[in-house]
């Protein structure tokens, strides 16, 4: 069983990423292959939560490879994600997780727009697709000119 892409990745408790397709997980540096618990929870459009780790037939987890990857040379390998179904969620759960991420954001989610605006937009989402649209608009596929125009309109009111 595999997730349906795109995936919303919430990792290290308060970071958000968007993984548009499985191809985005096809290459990784050796140091990524050494991580067996990446602290990610990935949400798909079908209401499933996933965990994963990356594996490669070309890389062996040995002491020598660990030392080399962390000090001298960290080559990239063709990888394959190994998926683990971690549960199910309701859209309100996902929205709550993203609100939490915004509260503890270090200026990445809120780089182009204020936290209150993004939180308001997330709060009125009805579906996974709506959440992805908001994240794209304000975080991942930002039309900076459009955001600035919206901010100017709000200031004039």
C-alpha atoms as a PDB file:
ATOM      1  CA  UNK A   1       0.000   0.000   0.000  1.00  0.00           C
ATOM      2  CA  UNK A   2       1.322   3.430  -0.985  1.00  0.00           C
ATOM      3  CA  UNK A   3       0.165   6.986  -0.363  1.00  0.00           C
ATOM      4  CA  UNK A   4      -1.609   9.130  -2.932  1.00  0.00           C
ATOM      5  CA  UNK A   5       0.434  12.197  -3.865  1.00  0.00           C
ATOM      6  CA  UNK A   6       0.790  15.083  -3.194  1.00  0.00           C
ATOM      7  CA  UNK A   7       1.687  14.652   0.472  1.00  0.00           C
ATOM      8  CA  UNK A   8       1.825  17.219   3.217  1.00  0.00           C
ATOM      9  CA  UNK A   9       4.886  16.400   5.305  1.00  0.00           C
ATOM     10  CA  UNK A  10       4.957  17.571   8.912  1.00  0.00           C
ATOM     11  CA  UNK A  11       8.344  16.839  10.428  1.00  0.00           C
ATOM     12  CA  UNK A  12      10.267  17.640  13.595  1.00  0.00           C
ATOM     13  CA  UNK A  13       6.895  18.564  15.155  1.00  0.00           C
ATOM     14  CA  UNK A  14       6.481  21.961  13.497  1.00  0.00           C
ATOM     15  CA  UNK A  15       7.951  22.074   9.992  1.00  0.00           C
ATOM     16  CA  UNK A  16       5.762  21.697   6.919  1.00  0.00           C
ATOM     17  CA  UNK A  17       6.755  20.566   3.461  1.00  0.00           C
ATOM     18  CA  UNK A  18       4.862  19.558   0.359  1.00  0.00           C
ATOM     19  CA  UNK A  19       5.938  16.499  -1.622  1.00  0.00           C
ATOM     20  CA  UNK A  20       4.219  16.767  -5.014  1.00  0.00           C
ATOM     21  CA  UNK A  21       5.169  13.332  -6.400  1.00  0.00           C
ATOM     22  CA  UNK A  22       7.011  10.160  -5.471  1.00  0.00           C
ATOM     23  CA  UNK A  23       9.730  11.142  -7.959  1.00  0.00           C
ATOM     24  CA  UNK A  24      10.728  13.827  -5.447  1.00  0.00           C
ATOM     25  CA  UNK A  25      11.900  10.965  -3.225  1.00  0.00           C
ATOM     26  CA  UNK A  26      13.987   9.174  -5.874  1.00  0.00           C
ATOM     27  CA  UNK A  27      17.442  10.486  -4.924  1.00  0.00           C
ATOM     28  CA  UNK A  28      19.010  11.197  -1.574  1.00  0.00           C
ATOM     29  CA  UNK A  29      22.439  11.763  -0.045  1.00  0.00           C
ATOM     30  CA  UNK A  30      24.048   9.007   2.021  1.00  0.00           C
ATOM     31  CA  UNK A  31      23.285  10.827   5.272  1.00  0.00           C
ATOM     32  CA  UNK A  32      19.544  10.561   4.493  1.00  0.00           C
ATOM     33  CA  UNK A  33      19.875   6.806   4.048  1.00  0.00           C
ATOM     34  CA  UNK A  34      21.279   6.553   7.560  1.00  0.00           C
ATOM     35  CA  UNK A  35      18.071   7.963   9.069  1.00  0.00           C
ATOM     36  CA  UNK A  36      15.577   5.238   9.917  1.00  0.00           C
ATOM     37  CA  UNK A  37      13.136   7.536  11.759  1.00  0.00           C
ATOM     38  CA  UNK A  38      12.917  10.888  10.003  1.00  0.00           C
ATOM     39  CA  UNK A  39      10.205  12.143  12.395  1.00  0.00           C
ATOM     40  CA  UNK A  40       7.871  12.821   9.477  1.00  0.00           C
ATOM     41  CA  UNK A  41       4.149  12.304   9.355  1.00  0.00           C
ATOM     42  CA  UNK A  42       2.866  12.552   5.814  1.00  0.00           C
ATOM     43  CA  UNK A  43      -0.789  13.263   5.072  1.00  0.00           C
ATOM     44  CA  UNK A  44      -2.401  12.232   1.797  1.00  0.00           C
ATOM     45  CA  UNK A  45      -5.660  13.268   0.162  1.00  0.00           C
ATOM     46  CA  UNK A  46      -7.343   9.960   1.087  1.00  0.00           C
ATOM     47  CA  UNK A  47      -7.244  10.631   4.844  1.00  0.00           C
ATOM     48  CA  UNK A  48      -4.195   8.452   5.503  1.00  0.00           C
ATOM     49  CA  UNK A  49      -1.108   9.239   7.541  1.00  0.00           C
ATOM     50  CA  UNK A  50       2.203   7.730   6.476  1.00  0.00           C
ATOM     51  CA  UNK A  51       5.759   7.290   7.707  1.00  0.00           C
ATOM     52  CA  UNK A  52       8.667   6.336   5.496  1.00  0.00           C
ATOM     53  CA  UNK A  53      12.361   5.769   5.243  1.00  0.00           C
ATOM     54  CA  UNK A  54      14.583   5.668   2.196  1.00  0.00           C
ATOM     55  CA  UNK A  55      16.566   2.643   1.042  1.00  0.00           C
ATOM     56  CA  UNK A  56      19.082   2.023  -1.705  1.00  0.00           C
ATOM     57  CA  UNK A  57      20.547  -1.183  -3.023  1.00  0.00           C
ATOM     58  CA  UNK A  58      23.750   0.757  -3.718  1.00  0.00           C
ATOM     59  CA  UNK A  59      24.444   1.899  -0.149  1.00  0.00           C
ATOM     60  CA  UNK A  60      25.335  -0.190   2.864  1.00  0.00           C
ATOM     61  CA  UNK A  61      24.990   1.175   6.398  1.00  0.00           C
ATOM     62  CA  UNK A  62      28.447   0.485   7.842  1.00  0.00           C
ATOM     63  CA  UNK A  63      30.613   2.364  10.336  1.00  0.00           C
ATOM     64  CA  UNK A  64      33.019   3.384   7.575  1.00  0.00           C
ATOM     65  CA  UNK A  65      30.208   4.662   5.334  1.00  0.00           C
ATOM     66  CA  UNK A  66      28.703   6.587   8.249  1.00  0.00           C
ATOM     67  CA  UNK A  67      31.978   8.327   9.046  1.00  0.00           C
ATOM     68  CA  UNK A  68      32.695   9.117   5.400  1.00  0.00           C
ATOM     69  CA  UNK A  69      29.170  10.427   4.745  1.00  0.00           C
ATOM     70  CA  UNK A  70      29.299  12.751   7.761  1.00  0.00           C
ATOM     71  CA  UNK A  71      32.842  14.024   7.206  1.00  0.00           C
ATOM     72  CA  UNK A  72      34.420  13.597   3.784  1.00  0.00           C
ATOM     73  CA  UNK A  73      31.960  12.694   1.064  1.00  0.00           C
ATOM     74  CA  UNK A  74      28.179  12.514   1.043  1.00  0.00           C
ATOM     75  CA  UNK A  75      27.247  11.065  -2.369  1.00  0.00           C
ATOM     76  CA  UNK A  76      23.723  10.957  -3.719  1.00  0.00           C
ATOM     77  CA  UNK A  77      22.061   7.614  -4.485  1.00  0.00           C
ATOM     78  CA  UNK A  78      19.002   6.380  -6.312  1.00  0.00           C
ATOM     79  CA  UNK A  79      16.545   5.513  -3.530  1.00  0.00           C
ATOM     80  CA  UNK A  80      13.164   4.007  -2.961  1.00  0.00           C
ATOM     81  CA  UNK A  81      10.824   5.057  -0.166  1.00  0.00           C
ATOM     82  CA  UNK A  82       9.561   2.304   2.110  1.00  0.00           C
ATOM     83  CA  UNK A  83       6.059   3.249   3.282  1.00  0.00           C
ATOM     84  CA  UNK A  84       4.359   2.468   6.572  1.00  0.00           C
ATOM     85  CA  UNK A  85       0.690   3.291   7.098  1.00  0.00           C
ATOM     86  CA  UNK A  86       0.571   5.172  10.414  1.00  0.00           C
ATOM     87  CA  UNK A  87      -3.155   5.814  10.743  1.00  0.00           C
ATOM     88  CA  UNK A  88      -5.968   7.955   9.461  1.00  0.00           C
ATOM     89  CA  UNK A  89      -6.929  11.567   9.969  1.00  0.00           C
ATOM     90  CA  UNK A  90      -9.829  13.932   9.557  1.00  0.00           C
ATOM     91  CA  UNK A  91      -9.278  17.250   7.768  1.00  0.00           C
ATOM     92  CA  UNK A  92      -9.699  19.104  11.080  1.00  0.00           C
ATOM     93  CA  UNK A  93      -6.740  17.146  12.503  1.00  0.00           C
ATOM     94  CA  UNK A  94      -4.528  18.208   9.604  1.00  0.00           C
ATOM     95  CA  UNK A  95      -5.629  21.824   9.904  1.00  0.00           C
ATOM     96  CA  UNK A  96      -4.835  21.750  13.625  1.00  0.00           C
ATOM     97  CA  UNK A  97      -1.352  20.350  12.944  1.00  0.00           C
ATOM     98  CA  UNK A  98      -0.653  23.084  10.400  1.00  0.00           C
ATOM     99  CA  UNK A  99      -1.946  25.775  12.779  1.00  0.00           C
ATOM    100  CA  UNK A 100       0.514  24.435  15.372  1.00  0.00           C
ATOM    101  CA  UNK A 101       3.327  24.588  12.797  1.00  0.00           C
ATOM    102  CA  UNK A 102       2.453  28.207  12.035  1.00  0.00           C
ATOM    103  CA  UNK A 103       2.512  29.066  15.752  1.00  0.00           C
ATOM    104  CA  UNK A 104       6.045  27.688  16.073  1.00  0.00           C
ATOM    105  CA  UNK A 105       7.260  28.778  12.649  1.00  0.00           C
ATOM    106  CA  UNK A 106      10.772  30.166  12.318  1.00  0.00           C
ATOM    107  CA  UNK A 107       9.896  32.514   9.475  1.00  0.00           C
ATOM    108  CA  UNK A 108       9.610  29.913   6.724  1.00  0.00           C
ATOM    109  CA  UNK A 109       5.834  29.490   6.519  1.00  0.00           C
ATOM    110  CA  UNK A 110       5.348  33.182   7.270  1.00  0.00           C
ATOM    111  CA  UNK A 111       8.067  34.458   4.957  1.00  0.00           C
ATOM    112  CA  UNK A 112       5.597  36.210   2.636  1.00  0.00           C
ATOM    113  CA  UNK A 113       2.436  36.622   4.716  1.00  0.00           C
ATOM    114  CA  UNK A 114       1.500  37.147   8.362  1.00  0.00           C
ATOM    115  CA  UNK A 115       0.693  34.113  10.474  1.00  0.00           C
ATOM    116  CA  UNK A 116      -2.843  35.358  11.220  1.00  0.00           C
ATOM    117  CA  UNK A 117      -3.724  35.554   7.525  1.00  0.00           C
ATOM    118  CA  UNK A 118      -2.404  32.058   6.765  1.00  0.00           C
ATOM    119  CA  UNK A 119      -4.102  30.604   9.860  1.00  0.00           C
ATOM    120  CA  UNK A 120      -7.402  32.203   8.827  1.00  0.00           C
ATOM    121  CA  UNK A 121      -7.107  30.702   5.332  1.00  0.00           C
ATOM    122  CA  UNK A 122      -6.256  27.244   6.733  1.00  0.00           C
ATOM    123  CA  UNK A 123      -9.189  27.448   9.162  1.00  0.00           C
ATOM    124  CA  UNK A 124     -11.731  27.810   6.350  1.00  0.00           C
ATOM    125  CA  UNK A 125     -10.396  24.904   4.283  1.00  0.00           C
ATOM    126  CA  UNK A 126     -12.885  22.088   3.658  1.00  0.00           C
ATOM    127  CA  UNK A 127     -10.605  19.576   1.963  1.00  0.00           C
ATOM    128  CA  UNK A 128      -7.049  18.368   1.565  1.00  0.00           C
ATOM    129  CA  UNK A 129      -6.913  20.104  -1.831  1.00  0.00           C
ATOM    130  CA  UNK A 130      -7.943  23.397  -0.180  1.00  0.00           C
ATOM    131  CA  UNK A 131      -5.106  23.042   2.350  1.00  0.00           C
ATOM    132  CA  UNK A 132      -2.595  22.315  -0.435  1.00  0.00           C
ATOM    133  CA  UNK A 133      -3.843  25.396  -2.325  1.00  0.00           C
ATOM    134  CA  UNK A 134      -3.315  27.625   0.725  1.00  0.00           C
ATOM    135  CA  UNK A 135       0.151  26.200   1.377  1.00  0.00           C
ATOM    136  CA  UNK A 136       1.086  26.703  -2.265  1.00  0.00           C
ATOM    137  CA  UNK A 137      -0.254  30.251  -2.261  1.00  0.00           C
ATOM    138  CA  UNK A 138       1.602  31.378   0.862  1.00  0.00           C
ATOM    139  CA  UNK A 139       4.583  29.028   1.201  1.00  0.00           C
ATOM    140  CA  UNK A 140       5.593  26.803  -1.731  1.00  0.00           C
ATOM    141  CA  UNK A 141       4.467  28.374  -5.021  1.00  0.00           C
ATOM    142  CA  UNK A 142       4.241  32.002  -3.979  1.00  0.00           C
ATOM    143  CA  UNK A 143       3.186  34.772  -6.336  1.00  0.00           C
ATOM    144  CA  UNK A 144       4.977  37.516  -4.426  1.00  0.00           C
ATOM    145  CA  UNK A 145       3.449  40.283  -6.540  1.00  0.00           C
ATOM    146  CA  UNK A 146      -0.055  38.910  -5.876  1.00  0.00           C
ATOM    147  CA  UNK A 147       0.634  38.688  -2.124  1.00  0.00           C
ATOM    148  CA  UNK A 148       1.868  42.289  -2.082  1.00  0.00           C
ATOM    149  CA  UNK A 149      -1.259  43.425  -3.924  1.00  0.00           C
ATOM    150  CA  UNK A 150      -3.465  41.623  -1.372  1.00  0.00           C
ATOM    151  CA  UNK A 151      -1.555  43.270   1.481  1.00  0.00           C
ATOM    152  CA  UNK A 152      -1.987  46.711  -0.088  1.00  0.00           C
ATOM    153  CA  UNK A 153      -5.764  46.145  -0.452  1.00  0.00           C
ATOM    154  CA  UNK A 154      -6.019  45.160   3.227  1.00  0.00           C
ATOM    155  CA  UNK A 155      -4.075  48.228   4.297  1.00  0.00           C
ATOM    156  CA  UNK A 156      -6.390  50.530   2.338  1.00  0.00           C
ATOM    157  CA  UNK A 157      -9.468  49.208   4.179  1.00  0.00           C
END
